[in-house]
PDB file of N, CA and C in Angstrom:
ATOM      1  N   UNK A   1       0.822  -1.201   0.000  1.00  0.00           N
ATOM      2  CA  UNK A   1       0.000   0.000   0.000  1.00  0.00           C
ATOM      3  C   UNK A   1       0.863   1.261   0.000  1.00  0.00           C
ATOM      4  N   UNK A   2       1.954   1.276   0.793  1.00  0.00           N
ATOM      5  CA  UNK A   2       2.822   2.449   0.868  1.00  0.00           C
ATOM      6  C   UNK A   2       3.489   2.734  -0.474  1.00  0.00           C
ATOM      7  N   UNK A   3       3.791   1.707  -1.237  1.00  0.00           N
ATOM      8  CA  UNK A   3       4.422   1.907  -2.547  1.00  0.00           C
ATOM      9  C   UNK A   3       3.445   2.534  -3.523  1.00  0.00           C
ATOM     10  N   UNK A   4       2.172   2.351  -3.296  1.00  0.00           N
ATOM     11  CA  UNK A   4       1.146   2.888  -4.177  1.00  0.00           C
ATOM     12  C   UNK A   4       0.971   4.399  -3.984  1.00  0.00           C
ATOM     13  N   UNK A   5       1.183   4.892  -2.780  1.00  0.00           N
ATOM     14  CA  UNK A   5       0.996   6.318  -2.482  1.00  0.00           C
ATOM     15  C   UNK A   5       1.904   7.201  -3.332  1.00  0.00           C
ATOM     16  N   UNK A   6       3.225   6.960  -3.392  1.00  0.00           N
ATOM     17  CA  UNK A   6       4.068   7.801  -4.257  1.00  0.00           C
ATOM     18  C   UNK A   6       3.666   7.699  -5.729  1.00  0.00           C
ATOM     19  N   UNK A   7       3.268   6.520  -6.133  1.00  0.00           N
ATOM     20  CA  UNK A   7       2.847   6.338  -7.512  1.00  0.00           C
ATOM     21  C   UNK A   7       1.631   7.199  -7.820  1.00  0.00           C
ATOM     22  N   UNK A   8       0.666   7.211  -6.929  1.00  0.00           N
ATOM     23  CA  UNK A   8      -0.532   8.022  -7.137  1.00  0.00           C
ATOM     24  C   UNK A   8      -0.213   9.510  -7.085  1.00  0.00           C
ATOM     25  N   UNK A   9       0.625   9.907  -6.149  1.00  0.00           N
ATOM     26  CA  UNK A   9       1.005  11.311  -6.059  1.00  0.00           C
ATOM     27  C   UNK A   9       1.780  11.734  -7.293  1.00  0.00           C
ATOM     28  N   UNK A  10       2.665  10.889  -7.761  1.00  0.00           N
ATOM     29  CA  UNK A  10       3.422  11.183  -8.970  1.00  0.00           C
ATOM     30  C   UNK A  10       2.516  11.332 -10.168  1.00  0.00           C
ATOM     31  N   UNK A  11       1.481  10.509 -10.250  1.00  0.00           N
ATOM     32  CA  UNK A  11       0.536  10.596 -11.367  1.00  0.00           C
ATOM     33  C   UNK A  11      -0.203  11.925 -11.336  1.00  0.00           C
ATOM     34  N   UNK A  12      -0.531  12.402 -10.161  1.00  0.00           N
ATOM     35  CA  UNK A  12      -1.207  13.695 -10.056  1.00  0.00           C
ATOM     36  C   UNK A  12      -0.294  14.819 -10.517  1.00  0.00           C
ATOM     37  N   UNK A  13       0.972  14.746 -10.172  1.00  0.00           N
ATOM     38  CA  UNK A  13       1.907  15.787 -10.573  1.00  0.00           C
ATOM     39  C   UNK A  13       2.064  15.818 -12.089  1.00  0.00           C
ATOM     40  N   UNK A  14       2.081  14.681 -12.719  1.00  0.00           N
ATOM     41  CA  UNK A  14       2.194  14.630 -14.167  1.00  0.00           C
ATOM     42  C   UNK A  14       0.955  15.235 -14.806  1.00  0.00           C
ATOM     43  N   UNK A  15      -0.206  14.938 -14.257  1.00  0.00           N
ATOM     44  CA  UNK A  15      -1.439  15.482 -14.812  1.00  0.00           C
ATOM     45  C   UNK A  15      -1.453  17.006 -14.720  1.00  0.00           C
ATOM     46  N   UNK A  16      -0.971  17.538 -13.614  1.00  0.00           N
ATOM     47  CA  UNK A  16      -0.937  18.989 -13.459  1.00  0.00           C
ATOM     48  C   UNK A  16       0.004  19.605 -14.484  1.00  0.00           C
ATOM     49  N   UNK A  17       1.124  18.947 -14.760  1.00  0.00           N
ATOM     50  CA  UNK A  17       2.096  19.473 -15.714  1.00  0.00           C
ATOM     51  C   UNK A  17       1.601  19.363 -17.155  1.00  0.00           C
ATOM     52  N   UNK A  18       0.556  18.590 -17.387  1.00  0.00           N
ATOM     53  CA  UNK A  18       0.021  18.411 -18.729  1.00  0.00           C
ATOM     54  C   UNK A  18      -0.885  19.541 -19.173  1.00  0.00           C
ATOM     55  N   UNK A  19      -1.060  20.524 -18.327  1.00  0.00           N
ATOM     56  CA  UNK A  19      -1.897  21.666 -18.700  1.00  0.00           C
ATOM     57  C   UNK A  19      -1.267  22.948 -18.141  1.00  0.00           C
ATOM     58  N   UNK A  20      -1.655  24.066 -18.722  1.00  0.00           N
ATOM     59  CA  UNK A  20      -1.067  25.334 -18.254  1.00  0.00           C
ATOM     60  C   UNK A  20      -1.411  25.601 -16.786  1.00  0.00           C
ATOM     61  N   UNK A  21      -0.602  26.427 -16.140  1.00  0.00           N
ATOM     62  CA  UNK A  21      -0.900  26.771 -14.749  1.00  0.00           C
ATOM     63  C   UNK A  21      -2.181  27.604 -14.672  1.00  0.00           C
ATOM     64  N   UNK A  22      -2.776  27.598 -13.512  1.00  0.00           N
ATOM     65  CA  UNK A  22      -3.951  28.435 -13.284  1.00  0.00           C
ATOM     66  C   UNK A  22      -3.440  29.798 -12.837  1.00  0.00           C
ATOM     67  N   UNK A  23      -3.783  30.825 -13.609  1.00  0.00           N
ATOM     68  CA  UNK A  23      -3.332  32.184 -13.311  1.00  0.00           C
ATOM     69  C   UNK A  23      -4.527  33.072 -12.996  1.00  0.00           C
ATOM     70  N   UNK A  24      -4.343  33.985 -12.079  1.00  0.00           N
ATOM     71  CA  UNK A  24      -5.375  34.975 -11.773  1.00  0.00           C
ATOM     72  C   UNK A  24      -5.082  36.216 -12.612  1.00  0.00           C
ATOM     73  N   UNK A  25      -5.821  36.373 -13.699  1.00  0.00           N
ATOM     74  CA  UNK A  25      -5.569  37.490 -14.613  1.00  0.00           C
ATOM     75  C   UNK A  25      -6.416  38.720 -14.290  1.00  0.00           C
ATOM     76  N   UNK A  26      -7.268  38.609 -13.306  1.00  0.00           N
ATOM     77  CA  UNK A  26      -8.124  39.743 -12.921  1.00  0.00           C
ATOM     78  C   UNK A  26      -7.315  40.994 -12.595  1.00  0.00           C
ATOM     79  N   UNK A  27      -6.262  40.903 -11.762  1.00  0.00           N
ATOM     80  CA  UNK A  27      -5.512  42.124 -11.418  1.00  0.00           C
ATOM     81  C   UNK A  27      -4.884  42.815 -12.632  1.00  0.00           C
ATOM     82  N   UNK A  28      -4.322  42.042 -13.553  1.00  0.00           N
ATOM     83  CA  UNK A  28      -3.683  42.685 -14.711  1.00  0.00           C
ATOM     84  C   UNK A  28      -4.726  43.311 -15.622  1.00  0.00           C
ATOM     85  N   UNK A  29      -5.890  42.685 -15.744  1.00  0.00           N
ATOM     86  CA  UNK A  29      -6.936  43.254 -16.588  1.00  0.00           C
ATOM     87  C   UNK A  29      -7.575  44.474 -15.934  1.00  0.00           C
ATOM     88  N   UNK A  30      -7.682  44.459 -14.627  1.00  0.00           N
ATOM     89  CA  UNK A  30      -8.200  45.633 -13.923  1.00  0.00           C
ATOM     90  C   UNK A  30      -7.235  46.805 -14.090  1.00  0.00           C
ATOM     91  N   UNK A  31      -5.934  46.514 -14.009  1.00  0.00           N
ATOM     92  CA  UNK A  31      -4.928  47.557 -14.191  1.00  0.00           C
ATOM     93  C   UNK A  31      -4.947  48.092 -15.621  1.00  0.00           C
ATOM     94  N   UNK A  32      -5.146  47.209 -16.593  1.00  0.00           N
ATOM     95  CA  UNK A  32      -5.206  47.644 -17.996  1.00  0.00           C
ATOM     96  C   UNK A  32      -6.393  48.570 -18.217  1.00  0.00           C
ATOM     97  N   UNK A  33      -7.513  48.259 -17.577  1.00  0.00           N
ATOM     98  CA  UNK A  33      -8.707  49.092 -17.730  1.00  0.00           C
ATOM     99  C   UNK A  33      -8.507  50.455 -17.075  1.00  0.00           C
ATOM    100  N   UNK A  34      -7.851  50.474 -15.924  1.00  0.00           N
ATOM    101  CA  UNK A  34      -7.624  51.734 -15.206  1.00  0.00           C
ATOM    102  C   UNK A  34      -6.656  52.626 -15.979  1.00  0.00           C
ATOM    103  N   UNK A  35      -5.617  52.005 -16.555  1.00  0.00           N
ATOM    104  CA  UNK A  35      -4.612  52.796 -17.270  1.00  0.00           C
ATOM    105  C   UNK A  35      -5.151  53.350 -18.582  1.00  0.00           C
ATOM    106  N   UNK A  36      -6.187  52.717 -19.106  1.00  0.00           N
ATOM    107  CA  UNK A  36      -6.787  53.197 -20.345  1.00  0.00           C
ATOM    108  C   UNK A  36      -5.896  53.027 -21.560  1.00  0.00           C
ATOM    109  N   UNK A  37      -5.007  52.059 -21.500  1.00  0.00           N
ATOM    110  CA  UNK A  37      -4.103  51.811 -22.616  1.00  0.00           C
ATOM    111  C   UNK A  37      -4.906  51.463 -23.863  1.00  0.00           C
ATOM    112  N   UNK A  38      -4.766  52.284 -24.894  1.00  0.00           N
ATOM    113  CA  UNK A  38      -5.453  52.074 -26.171  1.00  0.00           C
ATOM    114  C   UNK A  38      -6.953  51.811 -25.992  1.00  0.00           C
ATOM    115  N   UNK A  39      -7.557  52.409 -24.988  1.00  0.00           N
ATOM    116  CA  UNK A  39      -8.992  52.257 -24.775  1.00  0.00           C
ATOM    117  C   UNK A  39      -9.416  50.854 -24.386  1.00  0.00           C
ATOM    118  N   UNK A  40      -8.492  50.067 -23.847  1.00  0.00           N
ATOM    119  CA  UNK A  40      -8.814  48.691 -23.464  1.00  0.00           C
ATOM    120  C   UNK A  40      -9.717  48.668 -22.257  1.00  0.00           C
ATOM    121  N   UNK A  41     -10.720  47.829 -22.335  1.00  0.00           N
ATOM    122  CA  UNK A  41     -11.597  47.629 -21.193  1.00  0.00           C
ATOM    123  C   UNK A  41     -11.164  46.362 -20.463  1.00  0.00           C
ATOM    124  N   UNK A  42     -11.638  46.214 -19.265  1.00  0.00           N
ATOM    125  CA  UNK A  42     -11.339  45.009 -18.501  1.00  0.00           C
ATOM    126  C   UNK A  42     -11.861  43.788 -19.248  1.00  0.00           C
ATOM    127  N   UNK A  43     -13.039  43.910 -19.839  1.00  0.00           N
ATOM    128  CA  UNK A  43     -13.633  42.765 -20.533  1.00  0.00           C
ATOM    129  C   UNK A  43     -12.835  42.376 -21.772  1.00  0.00           C
ATOM    130  N   UNK A  44     -12.347  43.351 -22.532  1.00  0.00           N
ATOM    131  CA  UNK A  44     -11.548  43.005 -23.715  1.00  0.00           C
ATOM    132  C   UNK A  44     -10.251  42.315 -23.299  1.00  0.00           C
ATOM    133  N   UNK A  45      -9.686  42.761 -22.189  1.00  0.00           N
ATOM    134  CA  UNK A  45      -8.482  42.127 -21.649  1.00  0.00           C
ATOM    135  C   UNK A  45      -8.789  40.691 -21.229  1.00  0.00           C
ATOM    136  N   UNK A  46      -9.880  40.502 -20.503  1.00  0.00           N
ATOM    137  CA  UNK A  46     -10.257  39.155 -20.062  1.00  0.00           C
ATOM    138  C   UNK A  46     -10.536  38.246 -21.261  1.00  0.00           C
ATOM    139  N   UNK A  47     -11.128  38.801 -22.307  1.00  0.00           N
ATOM    140  CA  UNK A  47     -11.370  38.020 -23.528  1.00  0.00           C
ATOM    141  C   UNK A  47     -10.048  37.562 -24.151  1.00  0.00           C
ATOM    142  N   UNK A  48      -9.067  38.476 -24.199  1.00  0.00           N
ATOM    143  CA  UNK A  48      -7.752  38.116 -24.733  1.00  0.00           C
ATOM    144  C   UNK A  48      -7.089  37.041 -23.873  1.00  0.00           C
ATOM    145  N   UNK A  49      -7.228  37.176 -22.566  1.00  0.00           N
ATOM    146  CA  UNK A  49      -6.651  36.193 -21.645  1.00  0.00           C
ATOM    147  C   UNK A  49      -7.306  34.823 -21.840  1.00  0.00           C
ATOM    148  N   UNK A  50      -8.611  34.797 -22.045  1.00  0.00           N
ATOM    149  CA  UNK A  50      -9.325  33.536 -22.272  1.00  0.00           C
ATOM    150  C   UNK A  50      -8.875  32.887 -23.577  1.00  0.00           C
ATOM    151  N   UNK A  51      -8.725  33.696 -24.622  1.00  0.00           N
ATOM    152  CA  UNK A  51      -8.253  33.181 -25.910  1.00  0.00           C
ATOM    153  C   UNK A  51      -6.855  32.584 -25.766  1.00  0.00           C
ATOM    154  N   UNK A  52      -5.978  33.289 -25.062  1.00  0.00           N
ATOM    155  CA  UNK A  52      -4.608  32.800 -24.850  1.00  0.00           C
ATOM    156  C   UNK A  52      -4.618  31.526 -24.012  1.00  0.00           C
ATOM    157  N   UNK A  53      -5.436  31.490 -22.970  1.00  0.00           N
ATOM    158  CA  UNK A  53      -5.524  30.291 -22.117  1.00  0.00           C
ATOM    159  C   UNK A  53      -5.997  29.095 -22.937  1.00  0.00           C
ATOM    160  N   UNK A  54      -6.994  29.295 -23.800  1.00  0.00           N
ATOM    161  CA  UNK A  54      -7.493  28.203 -24.634  1.00  0.00           C
ATOM    162  C   UNK A  54      -6.416  27.703 -25.588  1.00  0.00           C
ATOM    163  N   UNK A  55      -5.656  28.615 -26.166  1.00  0.00           N
ATOM    164  CA  UNK A  55      -4.568  28.230 -27.055  1.00  0.00           C
ATOM    165  C   UNK A  55      -3.496  27.458 -26.290  1.00  0.00           C
ATOM    166  N   UNK A  56      -3.169  27.924 -25.102  1.00  0.00           N
ATOM    167  CA  UNK A  56      -2.197  27.229 -24.267  1.00  0.00           C
ATOM    168  C   UNK A  56      -2.684  25.826 -23.915  1.00  0.00           C
ATOM    169  N   UNK A  57      -3.954  25.707 -23.573  1.00  0.00           N
ATOM    170  CA  UNK A  57      -4.513  24.408 -23.220  1.00  0.00           C
ATOM    171  C   UNK A  57      -4.414  23.447 -24.404  1.00  0.00           C
ATOM    172  N   UNK A  58      -4.685  23.958 -25.601  1.00  0.00           N
ATOM    173  CA  UNK A  58      -4.635  23.119 -26.810  1.00  0.00           C
ATOM    174  C   UNK A  58      -3.212  22.699 -27.185  1.00  0.00           C
ATOM    175  N   UNK A  59      -2.227  23.548 -26.906  1.00  0.00           N
ATOM    176  CA  UNK A  59      -0.869  23.303 -27.382  1.00  0.00           C
ATOM    177  C   UNK A  59       0.165  23.086 -26.280  1.00  0.00           C
ATOM    178  N   UNK A  60      -0.243  23.022 -25.036  1.00  0.00           N
ATOM    179  CA  UNK A  60       0.678  22.962 -23.898  1.00  0.00           C
ATOM    180  C   UNK A  60       1.713  21.849 -24.042  1.00  0.00           C
ATOM    181  N   UNK A  61       1.286  20.685 -24.461  1.00  0.00           N
ATOM    182  CA  UNK A  61       2.193  19.532 -24.549  1.00  0.00           C
ATOM    183  C   UNK A  61       3.228  19.672 -25.665  1.00  0.00           C
ATOM    184  N   UNK A  62       3.036  20.609 -26.577  1.00  0.00           N
ATOM    185  CA  UNK A  62       4.004  20.784 -27.667  1.00  0.00           C
ATOM    186  C   UNK A  62       5.244  21.547 -27.200  1.00  0.00           C
ATOM    187  N   UNK A  63       5.157  22.206 -26.061  1.00  0.00           N
ATOM    188  CA  UNK A  63       6.292  22.944 -25.520  1.00  0.00           C
ATOM    189  C   UNK A  63       7.075  22.049 -24.570  1.00  0.00           C
ATOM    190  N   UNK A  64       8.379  22.223 -24.548  1.00  0.00           N
ATOM    191  CA  UNK A  64       9.206  21.405 -23.662  1.00  0.00           C
ATOM    192  C   UNK A  64       8.929  21.775 -22.208  1.00  0.00           C
ATOM    193  N   UNK A  65       9.227  20.838 -21.334  1.00  0.00           N
ATOM    194  CA  UNK A  65       9.048  21.081 -19.895  1.00  0.00           C
ATOM    195  C   UNK A  65       9.906  22.261 -19.451  1.00  0.00           C
ATOM    196  N   UNK A  66      11.104  22.365 -20.011  1.00  0.00           N
ATOM    197  CA  UNK A  66      11.990  23.481 -19.657  1.00  0.00           C
ATOM    198  C   UNK A  66      11.381  24.814 -20.077  1.00  0.00           C
ATOM    199  N   UNK A  67      10.811  24.870 -21.289  1.00  0.00           N
ATOM    200  CA  UNK A  67      10.161  26.100 -21.755  1.00  0.00           C
ATOM    201  C   UNK A  67       8.958  26.431 -20.876  1.00  0.00           C
ATOM    202  N   UNK A  68       8.157  25.432 -20.577  1.00  0.00           N
ATOM    203  CA  UNK A  68       6.974  25.648 -19.734  1.00  0.00           C
ATOM    204  C   UNK A  68       7.378  26.230 -18.390  1.00  0.00           C
ATOM    205  N   UNK A  69       8.378  25.619 -17.774  1.00  0.00           N
ATOM    206  CA  UNK A  69       8.829  26.055 -16.451  1.00  0.00           C
ATOM    207  C   UNK A  69       9.413  27.466 -16.491  1.00  0.00           C
ATOM    208  N   UNK A  70      10.291  27.711 -17.457  1.00  0.00           N
ATOM    209  CA  UNK A  70      10.937  29.022 -17.563  1.00  0.00           C
ATOM    210  C   UNK A  70       9.913  30.126 -17.785  1.00  0.00           C
ATOM    211  N   UNK A  71       9.017  29.913 -18.737  1.00  0.00           N
ATOM    212  CA  UNK A  71       8.039  30.952 -19.063  1.00  0.00           C
ATOM    213  C   UNK A  71       7.022  31.150 -17.932  1.00  0.00           C
ATOM    214  N   UNK A  72       6.626  30.066 -17.284  1.00  0.00           N
ATOM    215  CA  UNK A  72       5.701  30.190 -16.152  1.00  0.00           C
ATOM    216  C   UNK A  72       6.360  30.992 -15.040  1.00  0.00           C
ATOM    217  N   UNK A  73       7.637  30.713 -14.775  1.00  0.00           N
ATOM    218  CA  UNK A  73       8.363  31.477 -13.755  1.00  0.00           C
ATOM    219  C   UNK A  73       8.448  32.952 -14.131  1.00  0.00           C
ATOM    220  N   UNK A  74       8.743  33.232 -15.404  1.00  0.00           N
ATOM    221  CA  UNK A  74       8.888  34.622 -15.850  1.00  0.00           C
ATOM    222  C   UNK A  74       7.600  35.426 -15.700  1.00  0.00           C
ATOM    223  N   UNK A  75       6.466  34.827 -16.084  1.00  0.00           N
ATOM    224  CA  UNK A  75       5.214  35.591 -16.019  1.00  0.00           C
ATOM    225  C   UNK A  75       4.646  35.667 -14.613  1.00  0.00           C
ATOM    226  N   UNK A  76       5.224  34.901 -13.690  1.00  0.00           N
ATOM    227  CA  UNK A  76       4.719  34.904 -12.319  1.00  0.00           C
ATOM    228  C   UNK A  76       5.493  35.840 -11.407  1.00  0.00           C
ATOM    229  N   UNK A  77       6.550  36.473 -11.932  1.00  0.00           N
ATOM    230  CA  UNK A  77       7.316  37.383 -11.077  1.00  0.00           C
ATOM    231  C   UNK A  77       7.184  38.822 -11.571  1.00  0.00           C
ATOM    232  N   UNK A  78       7.193  39.723 -10.655  1.00  0.00           N
ATOM    233  CA  UNK A  78       7.228  41.129 -11.019  1.00  0.00           C
ATOM    234  C   UNK A  78       5.890  41.756 -11.362  1.00  0.00           C
ATOM    235  N   UNK A  79       4.816  41.100 -11.091  1.00  0.00           N
ATOM    236  CA  UNK A  79       3.515  41.674 -11.386  1.00  0.00           C
ATOM    237  C   UNK A  79       2.482  40.594 -11.590  1.00  0.00           C
ATOM    238  N   UNK A  80       1.250  41.001 -11.870  1.00  0.00           N
ATOM    239  CA  UNK A  80       0.199  40.003 -12.055  1.00  0.00           C
ATOM    240  C   UNK A  80       0.472  39.136 -13.290  1.00  0.00           C
ATOM    241  N   UNK A  81       0.232  37.832 -13.178  1.00  0.00           N
ATOM    242  CA  UNK A  81       0.502  36.937 -14.300  1.00  0.00           C
ATOM    243  C   UNK A  81      -0.507  37.110 -15.432  1.00  0.00           C
ATOM    244  N   UNK A  82      -0.114  36.654 -16.603  1.00  0.00           N
ATOM    245  CA  UNK A  82      -0.958  36.811 -17.780  1.00  0.00           C
ATOM    246  C   UNK A  82      -0.779  35.615 -18.717  1.00  0.00           C
ATOM    247  N   UNK A  83      -1.887  35.044 -19.180  1.00  0.00           N
ATOM    248  CA  UNK A  83      -1.815  33.968 -20.167  1.00  0.00           C
ATOM    249  C   UNK A  83      -1.269  34.488 -21.492  1.00  0.00           C
ATOM    250  N   UNK A  84      -1.580  35.728 -21.816  1.00  0.00           N
ATOM    251  CA  UNK A  84      -1.072  36.315 -23.058  1.00  0.00           C
ATOM    252  C   UNK A  84       0.457  36.364 -23.002  1.00  0.00           C
ATOM    253  N   UNK A  85       1.004  36.793 -21.880  1.00  0.00           N
ATOM    254  CA  UNK A  85       2.454  36.847 -21.726  1.00  0.00           C
ATOM    255  C   UNK A  85       3.058  35.449 -21.737  1.00  0.00           C
ATOM    256  N   UNK A  86       2.396  34.492 -21.107  1.00  0.00           N
ATOM    257  CA  UNK A  86       2.886  33.118 -21.080  1.00  0.00           C
ATOM    258  C   UNK A  86       2.923  32.539 -22.494  1.00  0.00           C
ATOM    259  N   UNK A  87       1.856  32.748 -23.240  1.00  0.00           N
ATOM    260  CA  UNK A  87       1.804  32.264 -24.620  1.00  0.00           C
ATOM    261  C   UNK A  87       2.878  32.927 -25.471  1.00  0.00           C
ATOM    262  N   UNK A  88       3.054  34.226 -25.303  1.00  0.00           N
ATOM    263  CA  UNK A  88       4.074  34.959 -26.055  1.00  0.00           C
ATOM    264  C   UNK A  88       5.468  34.423 -25.736  1.00  0.00           C
ATOM    265  N   UNK A  89       5.743  34.191 -24.479  1.00  0.00           N
ATOM    266  CA  UNK A  89       7.039  33.659 -24.055  1.00  0.00           C
ATOM    267  C   UNK A  89       7.295  32.298 -24.703  1.00  0.00           C
ATOM    268  N   UNK A  90       6.301  31.427 -24.670  1.00  0.00           N
ATOM    269  CA  UNK A  90       6.465  30.091 -25.243  1.00  0.00           C
ATOM    270  C   UNK A  90       6.634  30.146 -26.762  1.00  0.00           C
ATOM    271  N   UNK A  91       5.879  31.017 -27.420  1.00  0.00           N
ATOM    272  CA  UNK A  91       6.011  31.148 -28.874  1.00  0.00           C
ATOM    273  C   UNK A  91       7.387  31.698 -29.248  1.00  0.00           C
ATOM    274  N   UNK A  92       7.880  32.654 -28.466  1.00  0.00           N
ATOM    275  CA  UNK A  92       9.214  33.204 -28.723  1.00  0.00           C
ATOM    276  C   UNK A  92      10.287  32.146 -28.493  1.00  0.00           C
ATOM    277  N   UNK A  93      10.118  31.317 -27.480  1.00  0.00           N
ATOM    278  CA  UNK A  93      11.079  30.246 -27.213  1.00  0.00           C
ATOM    279  C   UNK A  93      11.110  29.261 -28.375  1.00  0.00           C
ATOM    280  N   UNK A  94       9.950  28.962 -28.935  1.00  0.00           N
ATOM    281  CA  UNK A  94       9.883  28.063 -30.097  1.00  0.00           C
ATOM    282  C   UNK A  94      10.579  28.689 -31.300  1.00  0.00           C
ATOM    283  N   UNK A  95      10.361  29.972 -31.538  1.00  0.00           N
ATOM    284  CA  UNK A  95      11.000  30.657 -32.657  1.00  0.00           C
ATOM    285  C   UNK A  95      12.514  30.746 -32.451  1.00  0.00           C
ATOM    286  N   UNK A  96      12.937  30.941 -31.210  1.00  0.00           N
ATOM    287  CA  UNK A  96      14.366  31.049 -30.916  1.00  0.00           C
ATOM    288  C   UNK A  96      15.096  29.747 -31.241  1.00  0.00           C
ATOM    289  N   UNK A  97      14.404  28.623 -31.095  1.00  0.00           N
ATOM    290  CA  UNK A  97      15.027  27.340 -31.421  1.00  0.00           C
ATOM    291  C   UNK A  97      15.333  27.234 -32.916  1.00  0.00           C
ATOM    292  N   UNK A  98      14.654  28.020 -33.728  1.00  0.00           N
ATOM    293  CA  UNK A  98      14.834  27.956 -35.180  1.00  0.00           C
ATOM    294  C   UNK A  98      15.960  28.853 -35.681  1.00  0.00           C
ATOM    295  N   UNK A  99      16.519  29.678 -34.805  1.00  0.00           N
ATOM    296  CA  UNK A  99      17.613  30.563 -35.193  1.00  0.00           C
ATOM    297  C   UNK A  99      18.868  29.712 -35.364  1.00  0.00           C
ATOM    298  N   UNK A 100      19.563  29.892 -36.467  1.00  0.00           N
ATOM    299  CA  UNK A 100      20.775  29.092 -36.696  1.00  0.00           C
ATOM    300  C   UNK A 100      21.832  29.349 -35.621  1.00  0.00           C
ATOM    301  N   UNK A 101      22.686  28.376 -35.449  1.00  0.00           N
ATOM    302  CA  UNK A 101      23.801  28.490 -34.516  1.00  0.00           C
ATOM    303  C   UNK A 101      24.604  29.743 -34.864  1.00  0.00           C
ATOM    304  N   UNK A 102      25.082  30.437 -33.870  1.00  0.00           N
ATOM    305  CA  UNK A 102      25.818  31.680 -34.110  1.00  0.00           C
ATOM    306  C   UNK A 102      27.068  31.458 -34.956  1.00  0.00           C
ATOM    307  N   UNK A 103      27.666  30.300 -34.871  1.00  0.00           N
ATOM    308  CA  UNK A 103      28.843  30.006 -35.698  1.00  0.00           C
ATOM    309  C   UNK A 103      28.464  30.007 -37.173  1.00  0.00           C
ATOM    310  N   UNK A 104      27.262  29.555 -37.484  1.00  0.00           N
ATOM    311  CA  UNK A 104      26.824  29.505 -38.872  1.00  0.00           C
ATOM    312  C   UNK A 104      26.589  30.907 -39.428  1.00  0.00           C
ATOM    313  N   UNK A 105      26.399  31.880 -38.562  1.00  0.00           N
ATOM    314  CA  UNK A 105      26.128  33.247 -38.997  1.00  0.00           C
ATOM    315  C   UNK A 105      27.399  34.067 -39.226  1.00  0.00           C
ATOM    316  N   UNK A 106      28.524  33.576 -38.730  1.00  0.00           N
ATOM    317  CA  UNK A 106      29.778  34.313 -38.882  1.00  0.00           C
ATOM    318  C   UNK A 106      30.262  34.198 -40.324  1.00  0.00           C
ATOM    319  N   UNK A 107      30.796  35.297 -40.866  1.00  0.00           N
ATOM    320  CA  UNK A 107      31.315  35.238 -42.241  1.00  0.00           C
ATOM    321  C   UNK A 107      32.544  34.339 -42.307  1.00  0.00           C
ATOM    322  N   UNK A 108      32.696  33.704 -43.415  1.00  0.00           N
ATOM    323  CA  UNK A 108      33.847  32.837 -43.634  1.00  0.00           C
ATOM    324  C   UNK A 108      35.092  33.694 -43.818  1.00  0.00           C
ATOM    325  N   UNK A 109      36.181  33.284 -43.210  1.00  0.00           N
ATOM    326  CA  UNK A 109      37.450  33.999 -43.369  1.00  0.00           C
ATOM    327  C   UNK A 109      38.396  33.233 -44.278  1.00  0.00           C
ATOM    328  N   UNK A 110      37.907  32.185 -44.900  1.00  0.00           N
ATOM    329  CA  UNK A 110      38.754  31.378 -45.786  1.00  0.00           C
ATOM    330  C   UNK A 110      39.212  32.232 -46.970  1.00  0.00           C
ATOM    331  N   UNK A 111      40.476  32.198 -47.247  1.00  0.00           N
ATOM    332  CA  UNK A 111      41.019  32.915 -48.381  1.00  0.00           C
ATOM    333  C   UNK A 111      41.267  34.392 -48.131  1.00  0.00           C
ATOM    334  N   UNK A 112      40.990  34.878 -46.936  1.00  0.00           N
ATOM    335  CA  UNK A 112      41.217  36.285 -46.625  1.00  0.00           C
ATOM    336  C   UNK A 112      42.564  36.402 -45.931  1.00  0.00           C
ATOM    337  N   UNK A 113      43.446  37.253 -46.495  1.00  0.00           N
ATOM    338  CA  UNK A 113      44.768  37.437 -45.912  1.00  0.00           C
ATOM    339  C   UNK A 113      44.690  38.565 -44.892  1.00  0.00           C
ATOM    340  N   UNK A 114      45.386  38.404 -43.776  1.00  0.00           N
ATOM    341  CA  UNK A 114      45.399  39.474 -42.781  1.00  0.00           C
ATOM    342  C   UNK A 114      46.067  40.733 -43.342  1.00  0.00           C
ATOM    343  N   UNK A 115      45.613  41.881 -42.904  1.00  0.00           N
ATOM    344  CA  UNK A 115      46.186  43.157 -43.362  1.00  0.00           C
ATOM    345  C   UNK A 115      47.603  43.298 -42.814  1.00  0.00           C
ATOM    346  N   UNK A 116      48.494  43.787 -43.648  1.00  0.00           N
ATOM    347  CA  UNK A 116      49.886  43.989 -43.222  1.00  0.00           C
ATOM    348  C   UNK A 116      50.007  45.438 -42.789  1.00  0.00           C
ATOM    349  N   UNK A 117      50.586  45.632 -41.633  1.00  0.00           N
ATOM    350  CA  UNK A 117      50.753  46.994 -41.093  1.00  0.00           C
ATOM    351  C   UNK A 117      52.167  47.366 -41.010  1.00  0.00           C
TER     352      UNK A 117
END
């Protein structure tokens, strides 16, 4: 029976990691409405957050655990969390993986003679 307890707890942890974290976006949307940025209302902000959350839920497993953890940590510090920011972070991380190695971007020096001084 004792061996079953860690197994069950471990299964719960995996299930939680299979979906985006639960974020309270109310504070950030309330702040957006108060600031009047581009005439945004609290409801339009909440709608954007819901759209981002749905996209995250649909695609969460396509992101690596490292990306999920890093981006979740980033959006959870320094202010109210946001699904829009979390989605943006994950999408940027995916795009960054497609950037060629920096060595491949350096110009070739083959055949170039050093300047004589």
